[in-house]
Every structure is written in C-alpha cells, then in structure tokens.
Amino acid sequence: AVTYAGTILPIIQDRCDGCHGPNNPQGGLDFSTWNDLNTVASDGRLAFAIQHQAGAEPMPPSGPSLSQCRIDQILTWVQDGAPNN
C-alpha cells in the first residue's frame, strides 16, 4: 500500500526538499507539508512534472530523474486521491 507518511513523504524529503522545502520553497511550493503537495497532485502538475511530460517543467530539473518505481508509487498515490494518510 502506498501512503503519504510511509511512501510519499520520504521520497519528497529525499528528492524535493532542497528546492521545495520550508527553507527554500521555489515556485512558492513547500512540500514539507501535505497541503502544497496535495494541490499539485490534485491538479495534475505533479504527475506531469515527474514523468517529464510535454508542457510541464520536468522535476527534478537537474540530476537524475526519479526511478520508475518511485514514479509509479507517486502516481498510485495521486490516483488514489492523494490522501493525507
């Protein structure tokens, strides 16, 4: 089972906090809490960005992409409604 606390938050802390953490919320997005992450999950920006789809700013913008396993976990969470669980 993919959960926010057990699966998604550790990915975000490891790969996203450098740019989207409380100390440096680029794009005005602080993913250290569920609220901003839920916003971009719900409107589709998160899925587009992590999959590097056309029309989205690819995330991460530099360095290696997320592994397909991590992408699949995030997409599962998004498809489940991005719950705060």
C-alpha atoms as a PDB file:
ATOM      1  CA  ALA A   1       0.000   0.000   0.000  1.00  0.00           C
ATOM      2  CA  VAL A   2       1.207   3.468  -0.885  1.00  0.00           C
ATOM      3  CA  THR A   3       0.675   6.004   1.880  1.00  0.00           C
ATOM      4  CA  TYR A   4       1.615   9.633   2.224  1.00  0.00           C
ATOM      5  CA  ALA A   5       3.522   9.176   5.502  1.00  0.00           C
ATOM      6  CA  GLY A   6       5.178   5.857   4.702  1.00  0.00           C
ATOM      7  CA  THR A   7       5.916   6.178   0.984  1.00  0.00           C
ATOM      8  CA  ILE A   8       5.437   9.646  -0.469  1.00  0.00           C
ATOM      9  CA  LEU A   9       6.830  11.866   2.278  1.00  0.00           C
ATOM     10  CA  PRO A  10      10.192  10.022   2.382  1.00  0.00           C
ATOM     11  CA  ILE A  11      10.542  10.432  -1.413  1.00  0.00           C
ATOM     12  CA  ILE A  12       9.713  14.127  -1.147  1.00  0.00           C
ATOM     13  CA  GLN A  13      12.132  14.629   1.746  1.00  0.00           C
ATOM     14  CA  ASP A  14      14.906  12.850  -0.132  1.00  0.00           C
ATOM     15  CA  ARG A  15      14.434  14.309  -3.600  1.00  0.00           C
ATOM     16  CA  CYS A  16      12.379  17.512  -3.372  1.00  0.00           C
ATOM     17  CA  ASP A  17      13.126  19.315  -0.100  1.00  0.00           C
ATOM     18  CA  GLY A  18      16.217  21.024  -1.493  1.00  0.00           C
ATOM     19  CA  CYS A  19      14.035  23.192  -3.717  1.00  0.00           C
ATOM     20  CA  HIS A  20      10.556  22.736  -2.253  1.00  0.00           C
ATOM     21  CA  GLY A  21      11.295  22.622   1.454  1.00  0.00           C
ATOM     22  CA  PRO A  22      10.406  25.167   4.116  1.00  0.00           C
ATOM     23  CA  ASN A  23      13.731  26.988   3.802  1.00  0.00           C
ATOM     24  CA  ASN A  24      13.609  27.462   0.030  1.00  0.00           C
ATOM     25  CA  PRO A  25      10.116  26.960  -1.415  1.00  0.00           C
ATOM     26  CA  GLN A  26      10.821  27.535  -5.096  1.00  0.00           C
ATOM     27  CA  GLY A  27       7.751  28.299  -7.133  1.00  0.00           C
ATOM     28  CA  GLY A  28       6.039  29.075  -3.848  1.00  0.00           C
ATOM     29  CA  LEU A  29       5.638  25.345  -3.230  1.00  0.00           C
ATOM     30  CA  ASP A  30       6.631  23.994   0.176  1.00  0.00           C
ATOM     31  CA  PHE A  31       6.281  20.225   0.040  1.00  0.00           C
ATOM     32  CA  SER A  32       7.280  19.767   3.674  1.00  0.00           C
ATOM     33  CA  THR A  33       3.566  19.628   4.419  1.00  0.00           C
ATOM     34  CA  TRP A  34       0.786  17.771   2.660  1.00  0.00           C
ATOM     35  CA  ASN A  35      -1.140  20.917   1.615  1.00  0.00           C
ATOM     36  CA  ASP A  36       1.039  22.201  -1.245  1.00  0.00           C
ATOM     37  CA  LEU A  37       1.869  18.704  -2.436  1.00  0.00           C
ATOM     38  CA  ASN A  38      -1.820  17.816  -2.497  1.00  0.00           C
ATOM     39  CA  THR A  39      -2.524  20.910  -4.591  1.00  0.00           C
ATOM     40  CA  VAL A  40      -0.076  19.927  -7.348  1.00  0.00           C
ATOM     41  CA  ALA A  41      -1.122  16.271  -7.097  1.00  0.00           C
ATOM     42  CA  SER A  42      -4.793  17.146  -7.479  1.00  0.00           C
ATOM     43  CA  ASP A  43      -4.384  19.496 -10.437  1.00  0.00           C
ATOM     44  CA  GLY A  44      -2.102  17.102 -12.370  1.00  0.00           C
ATOM     45  CA  ARG A  45       1.109  19.133 -12.214  1.00  0.00           C
ATOM     46  CA  LEU A  46       2.924  16.597 -10.042  1.00  0.00           C
ATOM     47  CA  ALA A  47       2.269  13.658 -12.362  1.00  0.00           C
ATOM     48  CA  PHE A  48       3.237  15.646 -15.464  1.00  0.00           C
ATOM     49  CA  ALA A  49       6.410  17.004 -13.870  1.00  0.00           C
ATOM     50  CA  ILE A  50       7.791  13.722 -12.511  1.00  0.00           C
ATOM     51  CA  GLN A  51       7.078  11.979 -15.826  1.00  0.00           C
ATOM     52  CA  HIS A  52       8.718  14.819 -17.782  1.00  0.00           C
ATOM     53  CA  GLN A  53       5.648  15.206 -19.972  1.00  0.00           C
ATOM     54  CA  ALA A  54       5.321  17.891 -22.618  1.00  0.00           C
ATOM     55  CA  GLY A  55       4.112  21.197 -21.257  1.00  0.00           C
ATOM     56  CA  ALA A  56       5.384  20.553 -17.731  1.00  0.00           C
ATOM     57  CA  GLU A  57       8.571  21.710 -16.106  1.00  0.00           C
ATOM     58  CA  PRO A  58      10.437  18.437 -15.541  1.00  0.00           C
ATOM     59  CA  MET A  59      11.153  17.553 -11.943  1.00  0.00           C
ATOM     60  CA  PRO A  60      13.734  17.293 -10.799  1.00  0.00           C
ATOM     61  CA  PRO A  61      15.061  19.886 -13.254  1.00  0.00           C
ATOM     62  CA  SER A  62      18.637  18.686 -12.850  1.00  0.00           C
ATOM     63  CA  GLY A  63      20.207  15.472 -11.726  1.00  0.00           C
ATOM     64  CA  PRO A  64      18.747  12.036 -12.227  1.00  0.00           C
ATOM     65  CA  SER A  65      15.035  11.524 -12.664  1.00  0.00           C
ATOM     66  CA  LEU A  66      13.103   9.571 -10.102  1.00  0.00           C
ATOM     67  CA  SER A  67      13.246   5.831 -10.621  1.00  0.00           C
ATOM     68  CA  GLN A  68      10.266   4.284 -12.384  1.00  0.00           C
ATOM     69  CA  CYS A  69       9.378   2.564  -9.116  1.00  0.00           C
ATOM     70  CA  ARG A  70       9.193   5.928  -7.296  1.00  0.00           C
ATOM     71  CA  ILE A  71       7.217   7.481 -10.153  1.00  0.00           C
ATOM     72  CA  ASP A  72       4.761   4.579 -10.046  1.00  0.00           C
ATOM     73  CA  GLN A  73       4.359   4.976  -6.277  1.00  0.00           C
ATOM     74  CA  ILE A  74       3.602   8.677  -6.616  1.00  0.00           C
ATOM     75  CA  LEU A  75       1.168   8.043  -9.483  1.00  0.00           C
ATOM     76  CA  THR A  76      -0.625   5.399  -7.416  1.00  0.00           C
ATOM     77  CA  TRP A  77      -0.956   7.858  -4.538  1.00  0.00           C
ATOM     78  CA  VAL A  78      -2.261  10.560  -6.899  1.00  0.00           C
ATOM     79  CA  GLN A  79      -4.743   8.140  -8.484  1.00  0.00           C
ATOM     80  CA  ASP A  80      -5.951   7.217  -5.003  1.00  0.00           C
ATOM     81  CA  GLY A  81      -6.828  10.900  -4.435  1.00  0.00           C
ATOM     82  CA  ALA A  82      -3.527  11.985  -2.804  1.00  0.00           C
ATOM     83  CA  PRO A  83      -4.781  11.169   0.704  1.00  0.00           C
ATOM     84  CA  ASN A  84      -3.104  12.511   3.836  1.00  0.00           C
ATOM     85  CA  ASN A  85      -2.573   9.043   5.283  1.00  0.00           C
END
